[in-house]
Amino acid sequence: MAERTLRGARLGGQSFEDERGIEFAARQQVGYRCPQNHEFEITMSIEAEVPAVWECPRCGTEALSIAGIKPEEKVEKPARTHWDMLLERRSEKELEDILKERLELLRGGEIGPAHLHRENKKRTSA
C-alpha cells in the first residue's frame, strides 16, 4: 500500500483539484431570528425550499425566518377515545344488545365478582 500513496500527501488533508472551470450553484443568504433576538444567516441554494424555522446556533431554540415565511401549522388529529374505537368496530345498536346480554348474565350470577356469586348461592339455598 505504501507504494500507491502520493509522496508528500498527508492523510485526508488536501484536495489536488483546483477550482478553475467549476461553476458554483447560485446561492442566497437567508436570515433568521430566535426568541432571544439572536440573528444569523444561512447560505442556501436559490433552488432550495427555504424553511420557515431553523435552529439557532447560539441557544438551540427555534428561530423564525426574517423574510416573513410562516411555518405551516400541522393538522393534528383529535385524540381517539375508547368510545371512538368501539364505534369503529360496532354500531350503537350492537353495543346496546351486548350490554343487555351481559347485564342479564351478571344479574343471574353467571358472571361477575366472586362475592356476588356467593350471595346468590345463599339466597337460592334459603
N, C-alpha and C. Protein backbone atom coordinates (compact mmCIF):
# COMPACT_ATOMS: atom_id res chain seq x y z
N MET A 1 0.82 -1.19 0.00
CA MET A 1 0.00 0.00 0.00
C MET A 1 0.86 1.25 0.00
N ALA A 2 2.00 1.19 0.62
CA ALA A 2 2.88 2.35 0.68
C ALA A 2 3.35 2.76 -0.71
N GLU A 3 3.37 1.84 -1.64
CA GLU A 3 3.83 2.17 -2.99
C GLU A 3 2.80 3.01 -3.74
N ARG A 4 1.52 2.88 -3.38
CA ARG A 4 0.46 3.58 -4.11
C ARG A 4 0.22 5.00 -3.60
N THR A 5 0.66 5.35 -2.44
CA THR A 5 0.39 6.68 -1.90
C THR A 5 1.25 7.72 -2.60
N LEU A 6 0.73 8.95 -2.64
CA LEU A 6 1.49 10.05 -3.22
C LEU A 6 2.46 10.57 -2.17
N ARG A 7 3.67 10.83 -2.60
CA ARG A 7 4.65 11.37 -1.66
C ARG A 7 4.29 12.81 -1.30
N GLY A 8 4.40 13.12 -0.06
CA GLY A 8 4.14 14.47 0.40
C GLY A 8 2.66 14.74 0.69
N ALA A 9 1.83 13.77 0.47
CA ALA A 9 0.40 13.97 0.73
C ALA A 9 0.08 13.43 2.12
N ARG A 10 -0.63 14.19 2.87
CA ARG A 10 -1.00 13.70 4.20
C ARG A 10 -2.42 13.13 4.13
N LEU A 11 -2.72 12.34 5.10
CA LEU A 11 -3.95 11.58 5.11
C LEU A 11 -5.17 12.50 5.24
N GLY A 12 -6.09 12.46 4.27
CA GLY A 12 -7.35 13.19 4.35
C GLY A 12 -7.23 14.69 4.36
N GLY A 13 -6.09 15.23 4.11
CA GLY A 13 -5.87 16.67 4.29
C GLY A 13 -6.20 17.53 3.11
N GLN A 14 -5.70 17.21 1.92
CA GLN A 14 -5.74 18.15 0.83
C GLN A 14 -6.37 17.56 -0.41
N SER A 15 -7.04 18.40 -1.16
CA SER A 15 -7.54 18.00 -2.47
C SER A 15 -6.56 18.57 -3.50
N PHE A 16 -6.24 17.80 -4.51
CA PHE A 16 -5.32 18.27 -5.53
C PHE A 16 -6.06 18.87 -6.72
N GLU A 17 -7.39 19.02 -6.59
CA GLU A 17 -8.16 19.65 -7.66
C GLU A 17 -8.18 21.15 -7.43
N ASP A 18 -8.11 21.90 -8.51
CA ASP A 18 -8.22 23.35 -8.36
C ASP A 18 -9.64 23.77 -8.74
N GLU A 19 -9.98 25.02 -8.49
CA GLU A 19 -11.34 25.49 -8.69
C GLU A 19 -11.54 26.14 -10.04
N ARG A 20 -10.56 26.03 -10.92
CA ARG A 20 -10.72 26.62 -12.26
C ARG A 20 -11.73 25.81 -13.07
N GLY A 21 -12.62 26.49 -13.74
CA GLY A 21 -13.58 25.84 -14.61
C GLY A 21 -14.79 25.27 -13.87
N ILE A 22 -14.88 25.49 -12.59
CA ILE A 22 -16.02 24.99 -11.82
C ILE A 22 -17.00 26.12 -11.61
N GLU A 23 -18.27 25.86 -11.95
CA GLU A 23 -19.29 26.87 -11.77
C GLU A 23 -20.09 26.51 -10.52
N PHE A 24 -20.07 27.38 -9.53
CA PHE A 24 -20.78 27.12 -8.29
C PHE A 24 -22.28 27.37 -8.48
N ALA A 25 -23.07 26.69 -7.69
CA ALA A 25 -24.52 26.89 -7.74
C ALA A 25 -24.86 28.27 -7.21
N ALA A 26 -25.93 28.86 -7.76
CA ALA A 26 -26.38 30.17 -7.29
C ALA A 26 -26.83 30.04 -5.84
N ARG A 27 -26.44 31.01 -5.04
CA ARG A 27 -26.73 30.95 -3.60
C ARG A 27 -27.50 32.17 -3.15
N GLN A 28 -28.09 32.02 -1.97
CA GLN A 28 -28.79 33.13 -1.32
C GLN A 28 -28.52 33.08 0.17
N GLN A 29 -28.60 34.23 0.80
CA GLN A 29 -28.46 34.32 2.25
C GLN A 29 -29.86 34.42 2.85
N VAL A 30 -30.16 33.54 3.80
CA VAL A 30 -31.48 33.54 4.44
C VAL A 30 -31.27 33.90 5.91
N GLY A 31 -31.95 34.95 6.36
CA GLY A 31 -31.81 35.42 7.74
C GLY A 31 -32.86 34.83 8.67
N TYR A 32 -32.43 34.58 9.92
CA TYR A 32 -33.32 34.04 10.94
C TYR A 32 -33.10 34.80 12.25
N ARG A 33 -34.15 34.86 13.07
CA ARG A 33 -34.06 35.49 14.40
C ARG A 33 -34.79 34.60 15.40
N CYS A 34 -34.12 34.29 16.51
CA CYS A 34 -34.73 33.44 17.54
C CYS A 34 -35.45 34.31 18.57
N PRO A 35 -36.20 33.71 19.50
CA PRO A 35 -36.92 34.49 20.51
C PRO A 35 -36.00 35.31 21.42
N GLN A 36 -34.73 34.95 21.49
CA GLN A 36 -33.79 35.71 22.33
C GLN A 36 -33.02 36.74 21.52
N ASN A 37 -33.57 37.10 20.36
CA ASN A 37 -33.02 38.12 19.45
C ASN A 37 -31.63 37.81 18.90
N HIS A 38 -31.26 36.55 18.81
CA HIS A 38 -30.03 36.19 18.11
C HIS A 38 -30.36 36.17 16.62
N GLU A 39 -29.60 36.93 15.84
CA GLU A 39 -29.81 36.94 14.39
C GLU A 39 -28.64 36.24 13.72
N PHE A 40 -28.95 35.45 12.69
CA PHE A 40 -27.90 34.75 11.95
C PHE A 40 -28.38 34.50 10.54
N GLU A 41 -27.44 34.21 9.65
CA GLU A 41 -27.77 33.93 8.25
C GLU A 41 -27.26 32.56 7.86
N ILE A 42 -28.02 31.90 7.00
CA ILE A 42 -27.66 30.59 6.48
C ILE A 42 -27.55 30.73 4.96
N THR A 43 -26.49 30.19 4.37
CA THR A 43 -26.33 30.20 2.93
C THR A 43 -27.01 28.97 2.34
N MET A 44 -27.90 29.21 1.37
CA MET A 44 -28.64 28.13 0.74
C MET A 44 -28.64 28.33 -0.76
N SER A 45 -28.89 27.25 -1.46
CA SER A 45 -29.05 27.32 -2.91
C SER A 45 -30.32 28.10 -3.22
N ILE A 46 -30.30 28.79 -4.35
CA ILE A 46 -31.51 29.52 -4.75
C ILE A 46 -32.63 28.54 -5.06
N GLU A 47 -32.27 27.34 -5.52
CA GLU A 47 -33.28 26.34 -5.86
C GLU A 47 -33.88 25.66 -4.63
N ALA A 48 -33.23 25.78 -3.48
CA ALA A 48 -33.69 25.10 -2.27
C ALA A 48 -34.96 25.74 -1.74
N GLU A 49 -35.81 24.91 -1.14
CA GLU A 49 -37.01 25.41 -0.48
C GLU A 49 -36.59 25.94 0.89
N VAL A 50 -36.82 27.21 1.11
CA VAL A 50 -36.36 27.86 2.34
C VAL A 50 -37.29 27.49 3.48
N PRO A 51 -36.75 26.88 4.55
CA PRO A 51 -37.61 26.54 5.70
C PRO A 51 -37.96 27.78 6.51
N ALA A 52 -39.13 27.78 7.09
CA ALA A 52 -39.58 28.91 7.90
C ALA A 52 -38.90 28.93 9.26
N VAL A 53 -38.44 27.76 9.72
CA VAL A 53 -37.84 27.64 11.05
C VAL A 53 -36.46 27.00 10.92
N TRP A 54 -35.49 27.51 11.72
CA TRP A 54 -34.13 26.94 11.74
C TRP A 54 -33.64 27.01 13.18
N GLU A 55 -32.85 26.03 13.58
CA GLU A 55 -32.34 26.01 14.95
C GLU A 55 -31.26 27.06 15.13
N CYS A 56 -31.39 27.85 16.19
CA CYS A 56 -30.42 28.90 16.49
C CYS A 56 -29.09 28.26 16.89
N PRO A 57 -27.98 28.67 16.25
CA PRO A 57 -26.68 28.08 16.60
C PRO A 57 -26.17 28.50 17.98
N ARG A 58 -26.70 29.58 18.55
CA ARG A 58 -26.23 30.03 19.87
C ARG A 58 -26.97 29.36 21.03
N CYS A 59 -28.31 29.38 20.96
CA CYS A 59 -29.08 28.89 22.11
C CYS A 59 -29.88 27.62 21.82
N GLY A 60 -30.00 27.24 20.55
CA GLY A 60 -30.68 26.00 20.21
C GLY A 60 -32.19 26.09 20.11
N THR A 61 -32.77 27.27 20.31
CA THR A 61 -34.22 27.41 20.17
C THR A 61 -34.58 27.56 18.70
N GLU A 62 -35.86 27.48 18.40
CA GLU A 62 -36.31 27.62 17.02
C GLU A 62 -36.33 29.09 16.62
N ALA A 63 -35.64 29.40 15.53
CA ALA A 63 -35.60 30.76 15.02
C ALA A 63 -36.50 30.85 13.80
N LEU A 64 -37.23 31.97 13.68
CA LEU A 64 -38.13 32.18 12.55
C LEU A 64 -37.43 32.99 11.47
N SER A 65 -37.84 32.78 10.24
CA SER A 65 -37.27 33.49 9.10
C SER A 65 -37.57 34.98 9.21
N ILE A 66 -36.59 35.80 8.90
CA ILE A 66 -36.78 37.25 8.92
C ILE A 66 -37.59 37.68 7.71
N ALA A 67 -37.54 36.87 6.62
CA ALA A 67 -38.24 37.20 5.37
C ALA A 67 -39.76 37.12 5.51
N GLY A 68 -40.24 36.66 6.63
CA GLY A 68 -41.69 36.61 6.86
C GLY A 68 -42.34 35.31 6.41
N ILE A 69 -41.54 34.29 6.17
CA ILE A 69 -42.09 32.99 5.81
C ILE A 69 -42.71 32.39 7.06
N LYS A 70 -43.98 32.04 6.99
CA LYS A 70 -44.69 31.49 8.15
C LYS A 70 -44.60 29.97 8.16
N PRO A 71 -44.36 29.39 9.33
CA PRO A 71 -44.34 27.91 9.40
C PRO A 71 -45.74 27.35 9.18
N GLU A 72 -45.79 26.21 8.49
CA GLU A 72 -47.08 25.56 8.24
C GLU A 72 -47.59 24.95 9.54
N GLU A 73 -48.85 25.19 9.81
CA GLU A 73 -49.44 24.60 11.01
C GLU A 73 -49.84 23.17 10.70
N LYS A 74 -49.39 22.26 11.54
CA LYS A 74 -49.70 20.86 11.33
C LYS A 74 -51.12 20.58 11.79
N VAL A 75 -51.83 19.85 10.96
CA VAL A 75 -53.19 19.47 11.31
C VAL A 75 -53.09 18.26 12.24
N GLU A 76 -53.52 18.46 13.47
CA GLU A 76 -53.45 17.38 14.45
C GLU A 76 -54.78 16.66 14.52
N LYS A 77 -54.70 15.36 14.53
CA LYS A 77 -55.91 14.57 14.68
C LYS A 77 -56.36 14.64 16.13
N PRO A 78 -57.66 14.73 16.35
CA PRO A 78 -58.12 14.71 17.75
C PRO A 78 -57.84 13.33 18.35
N ALA A 79 -57.60 13.31 19.64
CA ALA A 79 -57.30 12.05 20.32
C ALA A 79 -58.50 11.12 20.24
N ARG A 80 -58.22 9.87 19.88
CA ARG A 80 -59.30 8.88 19.79
C ARG A 80 -59.55 8.29 21.18
N THR A 81 -60.79 8.31 21.58
CA THR A 81 -61.17 7.75 22.88
C THR A 81 -61.53 6.28 22.71
N HIS A 82 -61.70 5.59 23.83
CA HIS A 82 -62.13 4.20 23.78
C HIS A 82 -63.48 4.07 23.09
N TRP A 83 -64.35 5.04 23.34
CA TRP A 83 -65.67 5.03 22.75
C TRP A 83 -65.57 5.14 21.22
N ASP A 84 -64.68 6.02 20.73
CA ASP A 84 -64.49 6.16 19.28
C ASP A 84 -64.02 4.85 18.66
N MET A 85 -63.09 4.18 19.33
CA MET A 85 -62.58 2.91 18.80
C MET A 85 -63.66 1.83 18.82
N LEU A 86 -64.52 1.85 19.85
CA LEU A 86 -65.63 0.90 19.90
C LEU A 86 -66.59 1.13 18.74
N LEU A 87 -66.88 2.39 18.47
CA LEU A 87 -67.82 2.71 17.40
C LEU A 87 -67.26 2.38 16.02
N GLU A 88 -65.93 2.25 15.91
CA GLU A 88 -65.34 1.83 14.64
C GLU A 88 -65.63 0.36 14.36
N ARG A 89 -65.79 -0.42 15.45
CA ARG A 89 -65.99 -1.86 15.29
C ARG A 89 -67.45 -2.28 15.35
N ARG A 90 -68.28 -1.55 16.11
CA ARG A 90 -69.67 -1.96 16.30
C ARG A 90 -70.58 -0.74 16.25
N SER A 91 -71.85 -1.00 15.91
CA SER A 91 -72.84 0.09 15.92
C SER A 91 -73.36 0.24 17.35
N GLU A 92 -74.05 1.36 17.59
CA GLU A 92 -74.60 1.58 18.94
C GLU A 92 -75.67 0.54 19.27
N LYS A 93 -76.43 0.12 18.27
CA LYS A 93 -77.45 -0.91 18.49
C LYS A 93 -76.80 -2.22 18.95
N GLU A 94 -75.68 -2.62 18.29
CA GLU A 94 -74.97 -3.84 18.69
C GLU A 94 -74.45 -3.71 20.12
N LEU A 95 -73.93 -2.54 20.46
CA LEU A 95 -73.39 -2.32 21.80
C LEU A 95 -74.50 -2.39 22.86
N GLU A 96 -75.67 -1.85 22.54
CA GLU A 96 -76.80 -1.92 23.48
C GLU A 96 -77.23 -3.38 23.71
N ASP A 97 -77.25 -4.17 22.63
CA ASP A 97 -77.63 -5.58 22.75
C ASP A 97 -76.62 -6.34 23.61
N ILE A 98 -75.34 -6.08 23.40
CA ILE A 98 -74.29 -6.75 24.19
C ILE A 98 -74.41 -6.35 25.66
N LEU A 99 -74.68 -5.06 25.91
CA LEU A 99 -74.83 -4.59 27.29
C LEU A 99 -76.00 -5.29 27.98
N LYS A 100 -77.14 -5.39 27.30
CA LYS A 100 -78.31 -6.07 27.89
C LYS A 100 -77.98 -7.52 28.20
N GLU A 101 -77.33 -8.19 27.27
CA GLU A 101 -76.96 -9.60 27.45
C GLU A 101 -76.03 -9.78 28.66
N ARG A 102 -75.02 -8.90 28.76
CA ARG A 102 -74.05 -9.02 29.86
C ARG A 102 -74.70 -8.68 31.20
N LEU A 103 -75.60 -7.70 31.23
CA LEU A 103 -76.30 -7.36 32.47
C LEU A 103 -77.17 -8.52 32.95
N GLU A 104 -77.82 -9.20 32.02
CA GLU A 104 -78.63 -10.37 32.39
C GLU A 104 -77.76 -11.46 33.00
N LEU A 105 -76.59 -11.71 32.39
CA LEU A 105 -75.67 -12.72 32.93
C LEU A 105 -75.17 -12.31 34.31
N LEU A 106 -74.87 -11.02 34.48
CA LEU A 106 -74.37 -10.52 35.76
C LEU A 106 -75.46 -10.65 36.84
N ARG A 107 -76.65 -10.25 36.50
CA ARG A 107 -77.75 -10.33 37.46
C ARG A 107 -78.13 -11.77 37.77
N GLY A 108 -77.93 -12.65 36.82
CA GLY A 108 -78.21 -14.07 37.03
C GLY A 108 -77.11 -14.78 37.79
N GLY A 109 -76.01 -14.10 38.06
CA GLY A 109 -74.92 -14.69 38.84
C GLY A 109 -74.00 -15.57 38.02
N GLU A 110 -74.12 -15.57 36.71
CA GLU A 110 -73.26 -16.41 35.88
C GLU A 110 -71.89 -15.79 35.65
N ILE A 111 -71.80 -14.48 35.71
CA ILE A 111 -70.51 -13.79 35.58
C ILE A 111 -70.40 -12.75 36.68
N GLY A 112 -69.22 -12.21 36.86
CA GLY A 112 -69.05 -11.13 37.82
C GLY A 112 -68.12 -11.53 38.95
N PRO A 113 -67.91 -10.63 39.91
CA PRO A 113 -67.03 -10.89 41.04
C PRO A 113 -67.53 -12.06 41.89
N ALA A 114 -66.59 -12.75 42.51
CA ALA A 114 -66.91 -13.95 43.28
C ALA A 114 -67.87 -13.65 44.43
N HIS A 115 -67.76 -12.49 45.07
CA HIS A 115 -68.64 -12.20 46.21
C HIS A 115 -70.10 -12.09 45.78
N LEU A 116 -70.35 -11.76 44.52
CA LEU A 116 -71.73 -11.72 44.04
C LEU A 116 -72.28 -13.14 43.89
N HIS A 117 -71.43 -14.07 43.47
CA HIS A 117 -71.88 -15.45 43.30
C HIS A 117 -72.24 -16.08 44.65
N ARG A 118 -71.44 -15.79 45.67
CA ARG A 118 -71.70 -16.37 46.99
C ARG A 118 -73.04 -15.89 47.52
N GLU A 119 -73.32 -14.61 47.34
CA GLU A 119 -74.60 -14.08 47.83
C GLU A 119 -75.76 -14.72 47.10
N ASN A 120 -75.63 -14.92 45.81
CA ASN A 120 -76.71 -15.55 45.05
C ASN A 120 -76.94 -16.98 45.51
N LYS A 121 -75.87 -17.71 45.84
CA LYS A 121 -76.00 -19.08 46.30
C LYS A 121 -76.71 -19.12 47.65
N LYS A 122 -76.39 -18.14 48.54
CA LYS A 122 -77.03 -18.08 49.84
C LYS A 122 -78.54 -17.80 49.69
N ARG A 123 -78.86 -16.91 48.74
CA ARG A 123 -80.27 -16.55 48.54
C ARG A 123 -81.06 -17.75 48.01
N THR A 124 -80.47 -18.49 47.07
CA THR A 124 -81.19 -19.63 46.48
C THR A 124 -81.33 -20.79 47.46
N SER A 125 -80.36 -20.96 48.38
CA SER A 125 -80.44 -22.08 49.32
C SER A 125 -81.40 -21.77 50.46
N ALA A 126 -81.69 -20.53 50.74
CA ALA A 126 -82.56 -20.16 51.86
C ALA A 126 -84.02 -20.34 51.58
